[in-house]
Structure formats: structure tokens, C-alpha cells
Amino acid sequence: MRINGKRKTTLLHVYIMGKVKDKKIDHENCKKYDNRRENLRYVNNSTNGFNSDSQCNNTSGKVGVSYHVKNNCWTAQIRKNWKQIYLGSFKKYEDAVQARKQAEVEYFGELKKI
């Protein structure tokens, strides 16, 4: 949502929270139109990327889980501070999802999605 001022347009969540150098404003519940102050928080760029929905080309249905055709297995990974962390290969999809969930708690704990 945008607010039109005299000469510029400002995003509503930026208007509500204000700009802070080297910080992004994150919507905790991932709903970009929910601009209530209690749903907004300052985070770094890495955390802001973590707290996003899966991309439209995601075929596994879970961020960080993919199928490796050559090895006939599921792989899990997570990204922290611009570094890709390999969590393992799994025969079962559910095991890969569980590994990803555990890594989310370990690496992002309190910043996890609601």
C-alpha cells in the first residue's frame, strides 16, 4: 500500500515504522497488506529473505526442500547470512521437510514465521 505525498510516494509500512539504515521492515505473518504496527519488525536482509513465501516455481511445496533426480532422493538446505547450508539427502520427503523445520528453529528461532 502506498501513500502519496506532495512529491513522493511512500510505502505504508515504511511510513508507519520509519526508515532505519541497513534494516528492512518485515511483515511477521507474511501478509504484505497487514500493516499493523504489531505485525511489523526491523530485520536484516537475510532474515527478511527467510521470512518469505515459496517461489512460484517451487515444486516440492516446501522452501529449502527439493528432489534430486540423479540421486533419486530429497535434499534439504537453508540459507543464513548469504551462505547455503546443506542439511542432507533423504529417501522420504517427510524426513527432508523435518530436517528443514529443525534447521529453521536452530538458525532463526524467534524470527520464524507465525
PDB file of N, CA and C in Angstrom:
ATOM      1  N   MET A   1       0.840  -1.164   0.000  1.00  0.00           N
ATOM      2  CA  MET A   1       0.000   0.000   0.000  1.00  0.00           C
ATOM      3  C   MET A   1       0.892   1.236   0.000  1.00  0.00           C
ATOM      4  N   ARG A   2       0.527   2.227  -0.770  1.00  0.00           N
ATOM      5  CA  ARG A   2       1.347   3.426  -0.902  1.00  0.00           C
ATOM      6  C   ARG A   2       0.583   4.659  -0.434  1.00  0.00           C
ATOM      7  N   ILE A   3       1.338   5.615   0.086  1.00  0.00           N
ATOM      8  CA  ILE A   3       0.785   6.896   0.486  1.00  0.00           C
ATOM      9  C   ILE A   3       1.406   7.946  -0.416  1.00  0.00           C
ATOM     10  N   ASN A   4       0.587   8.741  -1.068  1.00  0.00           N
ATOM     11  CA  ASN A   4       1.100   9.784  -1.947  1.00  0.00           C
ATOM     12  C   ASN A   4       1.263  11.083  -1.171  1.00  0.00           C
ATOM     13  N   GLY A   5       2.481  11.569  -1.156  1.00  0.00           N
ATOM     14  CA  GLY A   5       2.775  12.849  -0.524  1.00  0.00           C
ATOM     15  C   GLY A   5       2.807  13.932  -1.584  1.00  0.00           C
ATOM     16  N   LYS A   6       3.386  15.074  -1.245  1.00  0.00           N
ATOM     17  CA  LYS A   6       3.452  16.177  -2.200  1.00  0.00           C
ATOM     18  C   LYS A   6       4.263  15.802  -3.441  1.00  0.00           C
ATOM     19  N   ARG A   7       5.407  15.195  -3.239  1.00  0.00           N
ATOM     20  CA  ARG A   7       6.273  14.901  -4.377  1.00  0.00           C
ATOM     21  C   ARG A   7       6.744  13.463  -4.453  1.00  0.00           C
ATOM     22  N   LYS A   8       6.429  12.664  -3.453  1.00  0.00           N
ATOM     23  CA  LYS A   8       6.914  11.292  -3.494  1.00  0.00           C
ATOM     24  C   LYS A   8       5.870  10.333  -2.943  1.00  0.00           C
ATOM     25  N   THR A   9       6.061   9.069  -3.266  1.00  0.00           N
ATOM     26  CA  THR A   9       5.187   8.015  -2.782  1.00  0.00           C
ATOM     27  C   THR A   9       5.964   7.196  -1.759  1.00  0.00           C
ATOM     28  N   THR A  10       5.325   6.877  -0.640  1.00  0.00           N
ATOM     29  CA  THR A  10       5.960   6.106   0.424  1.00  0.00           C
ATOM     30  C   THR A  10       5.146   4.849   0.686  1.00  0.00           C
ATOM     31  N   LEU A  11       5.821   3.729   0.858  1.00  0.00           N
ATOM     32  CA  LEU A  11       5.132   2.502   1.238  1.00  0.00           C
ATOM     33  C   LEU A  11       4.573   2.657   2.643  1.00  0.00           C
ATOM     34  N   LEU A  12       3.378   2.147   2.873  1.00  0.00           N
ATOM     35  CA  LEU A  12       2.696   2.349   4.140  1.00  0.00           C
ATOM     36  C   LEU A  12       3.490   1.798   5.321  1.00  0.00           C
ATOM     37  N   HIS A  13       4.079   0.603   5.175  1.00  0.00           N
ATOM     38  CA  HIS A  13       4.832   0.035   6.291  1.00  0.00           C
ATOM     39  C   HIS A  13       6.077   0.872   6.613  1.00  0.00           C
ATOM     40  N   VAL A  14       6.658   1.519   5.621  1.00  0.00           N
ATOM     41  CA  VAL A  14       7.805   2.406   5.857  1.00  0.00           C
ATOM     42  C   VAL A  14       7.331   3.679   6.546  1.00  0.00           C
ATOM     43  N   TYR A  15       6.178   4.183   6.153  1.00  0.00           N
ATOM     44  CA  TYR A  15       5.599   5.370   6.780  1.00  0.00           C
ATOM     45  C   TYR A  15       5.310   5.104   8.262  1.00  0.00           C
ATOM     46  N   ILE A  16       4.783   3.914   8.551  1.00  0.00           N
ATOM     47  CA  ILE A  16       4.433   3.562   9.928  1.00  0.00           C
ATOM     48  C   ILE A  16       5.676   3.381  10.800  1.00  0.00           C
ATOM     49  N   MET A  17       6.661   2.646  10.286  1.00  0.00           N
ATOM     50  CA  MET A  17       7.835   2.292  11.101  1.00  0.00           C
ATOM     51  C   MET A  17       8.988   3.289  10.986  1.00  0.00           C
ATOM     52  N   GLY A  18       9.106   3.947   9.842  1.00  0.00           N
ATOM     53  CA  GLY A  18      10.247   4.819   9.603  1.00  0.00           C
ATOM     54  C   GLY A  18      11.408   4.025   9.038  1.00  0.00           C
ATOM     55  N   LYS A  19      12.300   4.691   8.341  1.00  0.00           N
ATOM     56  CA  LYS A  19      13.460   4.021   7.754  1.00  0.00           C
ATOM     57  C   LYS A  19      14.589   3.936   8.770  1.00  0.00           C
ATOM     58  N   VAL A  20      15.277   2.801   8.768  1.00  0.00           N
ATOM     59  CA  VAL A  20      16.464   2.597   9.594  1.00  0.00           C
ATOM     60  C   VAL A  20      17.547   2.063   8.675  1.00  0.00           C
ATOM     61  N   LYS A  21      18.723   2.671   8.731  1.00  0.00           N
ATOM     62  CA  LYS A  21      19.827   2.274   7.857  1.00  0.00           C
ATOM     63  C   LYS A  21      20.181   0.803   8.048  1.00  0.00           C
ATOM     64  N   ASP A  22      20.392   0.095   6.947  1.00  0.00           N
ATOM     65  CA  ASP A  22      20.796  -1.319   6.916  1.00  0.00           C
ATOM     66  C   ASP A  22      19.756  -2.264   7.512  1.00  0.00           C
ATOM     67  N   LYS A  23      18.519  -1.844   7.613  1.00  0.00           N
ATOM     68  CA  LYS A  23      17.449  -2.707   8.121  1.00  0.00           C
ATOM     69  C   LYS A  23      16.286  -2.722   7.132  1.00  0.00           C
ATOM     70  N   LYS A  24      15.592  -3.823   7.098  1.00  0.00           N
ATOM     71  CA  LYS A  24      14.373  -3.979   6.307  1.00  0.00           C
ATOM     72  C   LYS A  24      13.201  -4.064   7.274  1.00  0.00           C
ATOM     73  N   ILE A  25      12.015  -3.787   6.772  1.00  0.00           N
ATOM     74  CA  ILE A  25      10.811  -3.945   7.577  1.00  0.00           C
ATOM     75  C   ILE A  25      10.131  -5.223   7.121  1.00  0.00           C
ATOM     76  N   ASP A  26       9.926  -6.123   8.058  1.00  0.00           N
ATOM     77  CA  ASP A  26       9.375  -7.439   7.775  1.00  0.00           C
ATOM     78  C   ASP A  26       7.950  -7.527   8.309  1.00  0.00           C
ATOM     79  N   HIS A  27       7.069  -8.159   7.534  1.00  0.00           N
ATOM     80  CA  HIS A  27       5.716  -8.448   7.993  1.00  0.00           C
ATOM     81  C   HIS A  27       5.764  -9.847   8.608  1.00  0.00           C
ATOM     82  N   GLU A  28       5.599  -9.950   9.913  1.00  0.00           N
ATOM     83  CA  GLU A  28       5.755 -11.231  10.605  1.00  0.00           C
ATOM     84  C   GLU A  28       4.870 -12.326  10.049  1.00  0.00           C
ATOM     85  N   ASN A  29       3.626 -11.997   9.708  1.00  0.00           N
ATOM     86  CA  ASN A  29       2.709 -13.028   9.214  1.00  0.00           C
ATOM     87  C   ASN A  29       2.753 -13.179   7.697  1.00  0.00           C
ATOM     88  N   CYS A  30       3.706 -12.527   7.038  1.00  0.00           N
ATOM     89  CA  CYS A  30       3.935 -12.615   5.588  1.00  0.00           C
ATOM     90  C   CYS A  30       2.791 -12.048   4.753  1.00  0.00           C
ATOM     91  N   LYS A  31       1.889 -11.319   5.356  1.00  0.00           N
ATOM     92  CA  LYS A  31       0.795 -10.688   4.605  1.00  0.00           C
ATOM     93  C   LYS A  31       1.158  -9.225   4.406  1.00  0.00           C
ATOM     94  N   LYS A  32       1.564  -8.889   3.181  1.00  0.00           N
ATOM     95  CA  LYS A  32       2.102  -7.559   2.938  1.00  0.00           C
ATOM     96  C   LYS A  32       1.081  -6.439   3.098  1.00  0.00           C
ATOM     97  N   TYR A  33      -0.191  -6.766   3.141  1.00  0.00           N
ATOM     98  CA  TYR A  33      -1.201  -5.737   3.343  1.00  0.00           C
ATOM     99  C   TYR A  33      -1.621  -5.599   4.804  1.00  0.00           C
ATOM    100  N   ASP A  34      -1.032  -6.404   5.695  1.00  0.00           N
ATOM    101  CA  ASP A  34      -1.303  -6.307   7.128  1.00  0.00           C
ATOM    102  C   ASP A  34      -0.243  -5.395   7.745  1.00  0.00           C
ATOM    103  N   ASN A  35      -0.519  -4.103   7.726  1.00  0.00           N
ATOM    104  CA  ASN A  35       0.457  -3.118   8.172  1.00  0.00           C
ATOM    105  C   ASN A  35       0.211  -2.627   9.592  1.00  0.00           C
ATOM    106  N   ARG A  36      -0.365  -3.477  10.427  1.00  0.00           N
ATOM    107  CA  ARG A  36      -0.494  -3.122  11.833  1.00  0.00           C
ATOM    108  C   ARG A  36       0.902  -3.081  12.454  1.00  0.00           C
ATOM    109  N   ARG A  37       1.130  -2.112  13.322  1.00  0.00           N
ATOM    110  CA  ARG A  37       2.455  -1.948  13.937  1.00  0.00           C
ATOM    111  C   ARG A  37       2.944  -3.229  14.611  1.00  0.00           C
ATOM    112  N   GLU A  38       2.030  -3.981  15.267  1.00  0.00           N
ATOM    113  CA  GLU A  38       2.449  -5.210  15.958  1.00  0.00           C
ATOM    114  C   GLU A  38       2.837  -6.329  14.988  1.00  0.00           C
ATOM    115  N   ASN A  39       2.520  -6.171  13.703  1.00  0.00           N
ATOM    116  CA  ASN A  39       2.904  -7.163  12.706  1.00  0.00           C
ATOM    117  C   ASN A  39       4.204  -6.787  11.997  1.00  0.00           C
ATOM    118  N   LEU A  40       4.739  -5.610  12.274  1.00  0.00           N
ATOM    119  CA  LEU A  40       5.944  -5.130  11.595  1.00  0.00           C
ATOM    120  C   LEU A  40       7.137  -5.190  12.536  1.00  0.00           C
ATOM    121  N   ARG A  41       8.316  -5.470  11.973  1.00  0.00           N
ATOM    122  CA  ARG A  41       9.549  -5.500  12.775  1.00  0.00           C
ATOM    123  C   ARG A  41      10.736  -5.194  11.876  1.00  0.00           C
ATOM    124  N   TYR A  42      11.806  -4.700  12.456  1.00  0.00           N
ATOM    125  CA  TYR A  42      13.041  -4.452  11.730  1.00  0.00           C
ATOM    126  C   TYR A  42      13.871  -5.726  11.717  1.00  0.00           C
ATOM    127  N   VAL A  43      14.393  -6.083  10.556  1.00  0.00           N
ATOM    128  CA  VAL A  43      15.248  -7.257  10.417  1.00  0.00           C
ATOM    129  C   VAL A  43      16.354  -6.942   9.421  1.00  0.00           C
ATOM    130  N   ASN A  44      17.378  -7.805   9.386  1.00  0.00           N
ATOM    131  CA  ASN A  44      18.403  -7.638   8.361  1.00  0.00           C
ATOM    132  C   ASN A  44      17.917  -8.287   7.064  1.00  0.00           C
ATOM    133  N   ASN A  45      18.644  -8.095   6.006  1.00  0.00           N
ATOM    134  CA  ASN A  45      18.226  -8.577   4.690  1.00  0.00           C
ATOM    135  C   ASN A  45      18.103 -10.094   4.642  1.00  0.00           C
ATOM    136  N   SER A  46      19.013 -10.796   5.301  1.00  0.00           N
ATOM    137  CA  SER A  46      18.984 -12.255   5.318  1.00  0.00           C
ATOM    138  C   SER A  46      17.705 -12.779   5.975  1.00  0.00           C
ATOM    139  N   THR A  47      17.350 -12.202   7.107  1.00  0.00           N
ATOM    140  CA  THR A  47      16.143 -12.619   7.818  1.00  0.00           C
ATOM    141  C   THR A  47      14.899 -12.280   7.019  1.00  0.00           C
ATOM    142  N   ASN A  48      14.914 -11.139   6.369  1.00  0.00           N
ATOM    143  CA  ASN A  48      13.769 -10.753   5.554  1.00  0.00           C
ATOM    144  C   ASN A  48      13.556 -11.766   4.422  1.00  0.00           C
ATOM    145  N   GLY A  49      14.614 -12.265   3.847  1.00  0.00           N
ATOM    146  CA  GLY A  49      14.502 -13.281   2.803  1.00  0.00           C
ATOM    147  C   GLY A  49      14.005 -14.608   3.338  1.00  0.00           C
ATOM    148  N   PHE A  50      14.399 -14.939   4.561  1.00  0.00           N
ATOM    149  CA  PHE A  50      13.946 -16.189   5.167  1.00  0.00           C
ATOM    150  C   PHE A  50      12.435 -16.180   5.382  1.00  0.00           C
ATOM    151  N   ASN A  51      11.934 -15.077   5.814  1.00  0.00           N
ATOM    152  CA  ASN A  51      10.521 -14.986   6.169  1.00  0.00           C
ATOM    153  C   ASN A  51       9.674 -14.618   4.953  1.00  0.00           C
ATOM    154  N   SER A  52       9.810 -15.395   3.902  1.00  0.00           N
ATOM    155  CA  SER A  52       9.024 -15.156   2.697  1.00  0.00           C
ATOM    156  C   SER A  52       8.375 -16.452   2.244  1.00  0.00           C
ATOM    157  N   ASP A  53       7.377 -16.312   1.411  1.00  0.00           N
ATOM    158  CA  ASP A  53       6.680 -17.489   0.897  1.00  0.00           C
ATOM    159  C   ASP A  53       7.524 -18.189  -0.154  1.00  0.00           C
ATOM    160  N   SER A  54       7.159 -19.414  -0.493  1.00  0.00           N
ATOM    161  CA  SER A  54       7.891 -20.143  -1.516  1.00  0.00           C
ATOM    162  C   SER A  54       7.672 -19.486  -2.875  1.00  0.00           C
ATOM    163  N   GLN A  55       8.639 -19.647  -3.740  1.00  0.00           N
ATOM    164  CA  GLN A  55       8.553 -19.059  -5.067  1.00  0.00           C
ATOM    165  C   GLN A  55       7.559 -19.838  -5.922  1.00  0.00           C
ATOM    166  N   CYS A  56       7.089 -19.182  -6.966  1.00  0.00           N
ATOM    167  CA  CYS A  56       6.073 -19.801  -7.816  1.00  0.00           C
ATOM    168  C   CYS A  56       6.602 -21.034  -8.551  1.00  0.00           C
ATOM    169  N   ASN A  57       7.922 -21.166  -8.705  1.00  0.00           N
ATOM    170  CA  ASN A  57       8.482 -22.326  -9.400  1.00  0.00           C
ATOM    171  C   ASN A  57       8.877 -23.456  -8.438  1.00  0.00           C
ATOM    172  N   ASN A  58       8.498 -23.351  -7.178  1.00  0.00           N
ATOM    173  CA  ASN A  58       8.789 -24.386  -6.193  1.00  0.00           C
ATOM    174  C   ASN A  58       7.853 -25.568  -6.421  1.00  0.00           C
ATOM    175  N   THR A  59       8.415 -26.742  -6.692  1.00  0.00           N
ATOM    176  CA  THR A  59       7.587 -27.920  -6.983  1.00  0.00           C
ATOM    177  C   THR A  59       7.433 -28.857  -5.793  1.00  0.00           C
ATOM    178  N   SER A  60       8.248 -28.671  -4.743  1.00  0.00           N
ATOM    179  CA  SER A  60       8.144 -29.566  -3.589  1.00  0.00           C
ATOM    180  C   SER A  60       7.069 -29.110  -2.607  1.00  0.00           C
ATOM    181  N   GLY A  61       6.716 -27.843  -2.656  1.00  0.00           N
ATOM    182  CA  GLY A  61       5.737 -27.311  -1.723  1.00  0.00           C
ATOM    183  C   GLY A  61       6.346 -26.810  -0.428  1.00  0.00           C
ATOM    184  N   LYS A  62       7.643 -26.956  -0.252  1.00  0.00           N
ATOM    185  CA  LYS A  62       8.321 -26.509   0.970  1.00  0.00           C
ATOM    186  C   LYS A  62       9.620 -25.798   0.593  1.00  0.00           C
ATOM    187  N   VAL A  63       9.819 -24.599   1.119  1.00  0.00           N
ATOM    188  CA  VAL A  63      11.044 -23.852   0.863  1.00  0.00           C
ATOM    189  C   VAL A  63      12.232 -24.640   1.400  1.00  0.00           C
ATOM    190  N   GLY A  64      13.298 -24.763   0.601  1.00  0.00           N
ATOM    191  CA  GLY A  64      14.511 -25.435   1.040  1.00  0.00           C
ATOM    192  C   GLY A  64      14.514 -26.935   0.861  1.00  0.00           C
ATOM    193  N   VAL A  65      13.458 -27.485   0.260  1.00  0.00           N
ATOM    194  CA  VAL A  65      13.381 -28.930   0.004  1.00  0.00           C
ATOM    195  C   VAL A  65      13.206 -29.128  -1.498  1.00  0.00           C
ATOM    196  N   SER A  66      14.039 -29.998  -2.062  1.00  0.00           N
ATOM    197  CA  SER A  66      13.934 -30.268  -3.499  1.00  0.00           C
ATOM    198  C   SER A  66      14.268 -31.733  -3.784  1.00  0.00           C
ATOM    199  N   TYR A  67      13.824 -32.177  -4.943  1.00  0.00           N
ATOM    200  CA  TYR A  67      14.078 -33.557  -5.341  1.00  0.00           C
ATOM    201  C   TYR A  67      15.281 -33.596  -6.267  1.00  0.00           C
ATOM    202  N   HIS A  68      16.227 -34.466  -5.971  1.00  0.00           N
ATOM    203  CA  HIS A  68      17.437 -34.627  -6.770  1.00  0.00           C
ATOM    204  C   HIS A  68      17.260 -35.863  -7.640  1.00  0.00           C
ATOM    205  N   VAL A  69      16.951 -35.651  -8.902  1.00  0.00           N
ATOM    206  CA  VAL A  69      16.612 -36.743  -9.823  1.00  0.00           C
ATOM    207  C   VAL A  69      17.781 -37.708  -9.996  1.00  0.00           C
ATOM    208  N   LYS A  70      18.978 -37.193 -10.180  1.00  0.00           N
ATOM    209  CA  LYS A  70      20.146 -38.038 -10.431  1.00  0.00           C
ATOM    210  C   LYS A  70      20.398 -39.027  -9.295  1.00  0.00           C
ATOM    211  N   ASN A  71      20.225 -38.579  -8.052  1.00  0.00           N
ATOM    212  CA  ASN A  71      20.466 -39.441  -6.890  1.00  0.00           C
ATOM    213  C   ASN A  71      19.198 -40.081  -6.341  1.00  0.00           C
ATOM    214  N   ASN A  72      18.069 -39.757  -6.950  1.00  0.00           N
ATOM    215  CA  ASN A  72      16.775 -40.323  -6.546  1.00  0.00           C
ATOM    216  C   ASN A  72      16.506 -40.116  -5.049  1.00  0.00           C
ATOM    217  N   CYS A  73      16.657 -38.860  -4.608  1.00  0.00           N
ATOM    218  CA  CYS A  73      16.423 -38.562  -3.193  1.00  0.00           C
ATOM    219  C   CYS A  73      15.991 -37.107  -3.024  1.00  0.00           C
ATOM    220  N   TRP A  74      15.492 -36.795  -1.838  1.00  0.00           N
ATOM    221  CA  TRP A  74      15.116 -35.431  -1.475  1.00  0.00           C
ATOM    222  C   TRP A  74      16.285 -34.784  -0.754  1.00  0.00           C
ATOM    223  N   THR A  75      16.536 -33.512  -1.024  1.00  0.00           N
ATOM    224  CA  THR A  75      17.588 -32.791  -0.323  1.00  0.00           C
ATOM    225  C   THR A  75      16.973 -31.614   0.436  1.00  0.00           C
ATOM    226  N   ALA A  76      17.601 -31.269   1.532  1.00  0.00           N
ATOM    227  CA  ALA A  76      17.159 -30.130   2.327  1.00  0.00           C
ATOM    228  C   ALA A  76      18.326 -29.177   2.500  1.00  0.00           C
ATOM    229  N   GLN A  77      18.019 -27.892   2.462  1.00  0.00           N
ATOM    230  CA  GLN A  77      19.039 -26.871   2.643  1.00  0.00           C
ATOM    231  C   GLN A  77      18.405 -25.619   3.232  1.00  0.00           C
ATOM    232  N   ILE A  78      19.247 -24.755   3.762  1.00  0.00           N
ATOM    233  CA  ILE A  78      18.783 -23.492   4.324  1.00  0.00           C
ATOM    234  C   ILE A  78      19.855 -22.451   4.044  1.00  0.00           C
ATOM    235  N   ARG A  79      19.459 -21.211   4.002  1.00  0.00           N
ATOM    236  CA  ARG A  79      20.393 -20.129   3.721  1.00  0.00           C
ATOM    237  C   ARG A  79      20.440 -19.201   4.936  1.00  0.00           C
ATOM    238  N   LYS A  80      21.659 -18.897   5.379  1.00  0.00           N
ATOM    239  CA  LYS A  80      21.852 -17.983   6.516  1.00  0.00           C
ATOM    240  C   LYS A  80      23.035 -17.078   6.198  1.00  0.00           C
ATOM    241  N   ASN A  81      22.842 -15.779   6.320  1.00  0.00           N
ATOM    242  CA  ASN A  81      23.896 -14.794   6.031  1.00  0.00           C
ATOM    243  C   ASN A  81      24.526 -15.022   4.657  1.00  0.00           C
ATOM    244  N   TRP A  82      23.674 -15.212   3.678  1.00  0.00           N
ATOM    245  CA  TRP A  82      24.056 -15.389   2.277  1.00  0.00           C
ATOM    246  C   TRP A  82      24.885 -16.654   2.027  1.00  0.00           C
ATOM    247  N   LYS A  83      24.854 -17.603   2.940  1.00  0.00           N
ATOM    248  CA  LYS A  83      25.562 -18.873   2.754  1.00  0.00           C
ATOM    249  C   LYS A  83      24.565 -20.014   2.733  1.00  0.00           C
ATOM    250  N   GLN A  84      24.713 -20.886   1.752  1.00  0.00           N
ATOM    251  CA  GLN A  84      23.848 -22.053   1.613  1.00  0.00           C
ATOM    252  C   GLN A  84      24.371 -23.159   2.535  1.00  0.00           C
ATOM    253  N   ILE A  85      23.502 -23.711   3.360  1.00  0.00           N
ATOM    254  CA  ILE A  85      23.882 -24.769   4.286  1.00  0.00           C
ATOM    255  C   ILE A  85      23.139 -26.041   3.888  1.00  0.00           C
ATOM    256  N   TYR A  86      23.884 -27.067   3.539  1.00  0.00           N
ATOM    257  CA  TYR A  86      23.324 -28.350   3.117  1.00  0.00           C
ATOM    258  C   TYR A  86      22.927 -29.140   4.358  1.00  0.00           C
ATOM    259  N   LEU A  87      21.683 -29.601   4.400  1.00  0.00           N
ATOM    260  CA  LEU A  87      21.168 -30.309   5.577  1.00  0.00           C
ATOM    261  C   LEU A  87      21.120 -31.824   5.395  1.00  0.00           C
ATOM    262  N   GLY A  88      21.268 -32.288   4.170  1.00  0.00           N
ATOM    263  CA  GLY A  88      21.309 -33.724   3.946  1.00  0.00           C
ATOM    264  C   GLY A  88      20.420 -34.196   2.815  1.00  0.00           C
ATOM    265  N   SER A  89      20.586 -35.485   2.483  1.00  0.00           N
ATOM    266  CA  SER A  89      19.766 -36.164   1.473  1.00  0.00           C
ATOM    267  C   SER A  89      18.900 -37.195   2.180  1.00  0.00           C
ATOM    268  N   PHE A  90      17.675 -37.353   1.691  1.00  0.00           N
ATOM    269  CA  PHE A  90      16.711 -38.216   2.363  1.00  0.00           C
ATOM    270  C   PHE A  90      15.903 -39.007   1.339  1.00  0.00           C
ATOM    271  N   LYS A  91      15.606 -40.242   1.663  1.00  0.00           N
ATOM    272  CA  LYS A  91      14.766 -41.072   0.792  1.00  0.00           C
ATOM    273  C   LYS A  91      13.306 -40.624   0.864  1.00  0.00           C
ATOM    274  N   LYS A  92      12.874 -40.152   2.042  1.00  0.00           N
ATOM    275  CA  LYS A  92      11.485 -39.737   2.220  1.00  0.00           C
ATOM    276  C   LYS A  92      11.378 -38.215   2.244  1.00  0.00           C
ATOM    277  N   TYR A  93      10.359 -37.723   1.577  1.00  0.00           N
ATOM    278  CA  TYR A  93      10.067 -36.292   1.544  1.00  0.00           C
ATOM    279  C   TYR A  93       9.873 -35.747   2.956  1.00  0.00           C
ATOM    280  N   GLU A  94       9.135 -36.472   3.774  1.00  0.00           N
ATOM    281  CA  GLU A  94       8.827 -36.025   5.133  1.00  0.00           C
ATOM    282  C   GLU A  94      10.083 -35.816   5.971  1.00  0.00           C
ATOM    283  N   ASP A  95      11.095 -36.665   5.759  1.00  0.00           N
ATOM    284  CA  ASP A  95      12.353 -36.524   6.501  1.00  0.00           C
ATOM    285  C   ASP A  95      13.091 -35.246   6.094  1.00  0.00           C
ATOM    286  N   ALA A  96      13.050 -34.924   4.809  1.00  0.00           N
ATOM    287  CA  ALA A  96      13.687 -33.697   4.327  1.00  0.00           C
ATOM    288  C   ALA A  96      12.976 -32.471   4.893  1.00  0.00           C
ATOM    289  N   VAL A  97      11.654 -32.501   4.920  1.00  0.00           N
ATOM    290  CA  VAL A  97      10.873 -31.398   5.486  1.00  0.00           C
ATOM    291  C   VAL A  97      11.180 -31.238   6.967  1.00  0.00           C
ATOM    292  N   GLN A  98      11.276 -32.341   7.683  1.00  0.00           N
ATOM    293  CA  GLN A  98      11.581 -32.292   9.122  1.00  0.00           C
ATOM    294  C   GLN A  98      12.971 -31.703   9.365  1.00  0.00           C
ATOM    295  N   ALA A  99      13.939 -32.069   8.548  1.00  0.00           N
ATOM    296  CA  ALA A  99      15.292 -31.515   8.686  1.00  0.00           C
ATOM    297  C   ALA A  99      15.274 -30.009   8.454  1.00  0.00           C
ATOM    298  N   ARG A 100      14.510 -29.575   7.471  1.00  0.00           N
ATOM    299  CA  ARG A 100      14.398 -28.143   7.184  1.00  0.00           C
ATOM    300  C   ARG A 100      13.746 -27.407   8.361  1.00  0.00           C
ATOM    301  N   LYS A 101      12.680 -27.976   8.924  1.00  0.00           N
ATOM    302  CA  LYS A 101      11.993 -27.344  10.057  1.00  0.00           C
ATOM    303  C   LYS A 101      12.918 -27.215  11.262  1.00  0.00           C
ATOM    304  N   GLN A 102      13.696 -28.254  11.536  1.00  0.00           N
ATOM    305  CA  GLN A 102      14.639 -28.217  12.663  1.00  0.00           C
ATOM    306  C   GLN A 102      15.701 -27.142  12.435  1.00  0.00           C
ATOM    307  N   ALA A 103      16.164 -27.023  11.196  1.00  0.00           N
ATOM    308  CA  ALA A 103      17.172 -26.012  10.879  1.00  0.00           C
ATOM    309  C   ALA A 103      16.589 -24.604  11.012  1.00  0.00           C
ATOM    310  N   GLU A 104      15.317 -24.420  10.649  1.00  0.00           N
ATOM    311  CA  GLU A 104      14.674 -23.116  10.811  1.00  0.00           C
ATOM    312  C   GLU A 104      14.671 -22.688  12.274  1.00  0.00           C
ATOM    313  N   VAL A 105      14.358 -23.620  13.157  1.00  0.00           N
ATOM    314  CA  VAL A 105      14.356 -23.317  14.592  1.00  0.00           C
ATOM    315  C   VAL A 105      15.777 -23.026  15.064  1.00  0.00           C
ATOM    316  N   GLU A 106      16.732 -23.837  14.620  1.00  0.00           N
ATOM    317  CA  GLU A 106      18.118 -23.671  15.047  1.00  0.00           C
ATOM    318  C   GLU A 106      18.716 -22.353  14.565  1.00  0.00           C
ATOM    319  N   TYR A 107      18.496 -22.022  13.287  1.00  0.00           N
ATOM    320  CA  TYR A 107      19.145 -20.846  12.711  1.00  0.00           C
ATOM    321  C   TYR A 107      18.356 -19.557  12.876  1.00  0.00           C
ATOM    322  N   PHE A 108      17.027 -19.651  12.975  1.00  0.00           N
ATOM    323  CA  PHE A 108      16.222 -18.436  13.009  1.00  0.00           C
ATOM    324  C   PHE A 108      15.310 -18.329  14.219  1.00  0.00           C
ATOM    325  N   GLY A 109      15.161 -19.371  14.989  1.00  0.00           N
ATOM    326  CA  GLY A 109      14.410 -19.394  16.232  1.00  0.00           C
ATOM    327  C   GLY A 109      13.247 -18.435  16.336  1.00  0.00           C
ATOM    328  N   GLU A 110      13.456 -17.336  17.042  1.00  0.00           N
ATOM    329  CA  GLU A 110      12.390 -16.394  17.332  1.00  0.00           C
ATOM    330  C   GLU A 110      11.888 -15.641  16.111  1.00  0.00           C
ATOM    331  N   LEU A 111      12.630 -15.697  15.015  1.00  0.00           N
ATOM    332  CA  LEU A 111      12.220 -14.967  13.809  1.00  0.00           C
ATOM    333  C   LEU A 111      11.412 -15.824  12.845  1.00  0.00           C
ATOM    334  N   LYS A 112      11.119 -17.046  13.247  1.00  0.00           N
ATOM    335  CA  LYS A 112      10.308 -17.921  12.412  1.00  0.00           C
ATOM    336  C   LYS A 112       8.977 -17.289  12.077  1.00  0.00           C
ATOM    337  N   LYS A 113       8.407 -17.716  10.961  1.00  0.00           N
ATOM    338  CA  LYS A 113       7.082 -17.259  10.585  1.00  0.00           C
ATOM    339  C   LYS A 113       6.057 -17.676  11.624  1.00  0.00           C
ATOM    340  N   ILE A 114       4.993 -16.909  11.705  1.00  0.00           N
ATOM    341  CA  ILE A 114       3.885 -17.253  12.603  1.00  0.00           C
ATOM    342  C   ILE A 114       3.130 -18.410  12.001  1.00  0.00           C
TER     343      ILE A 114
END
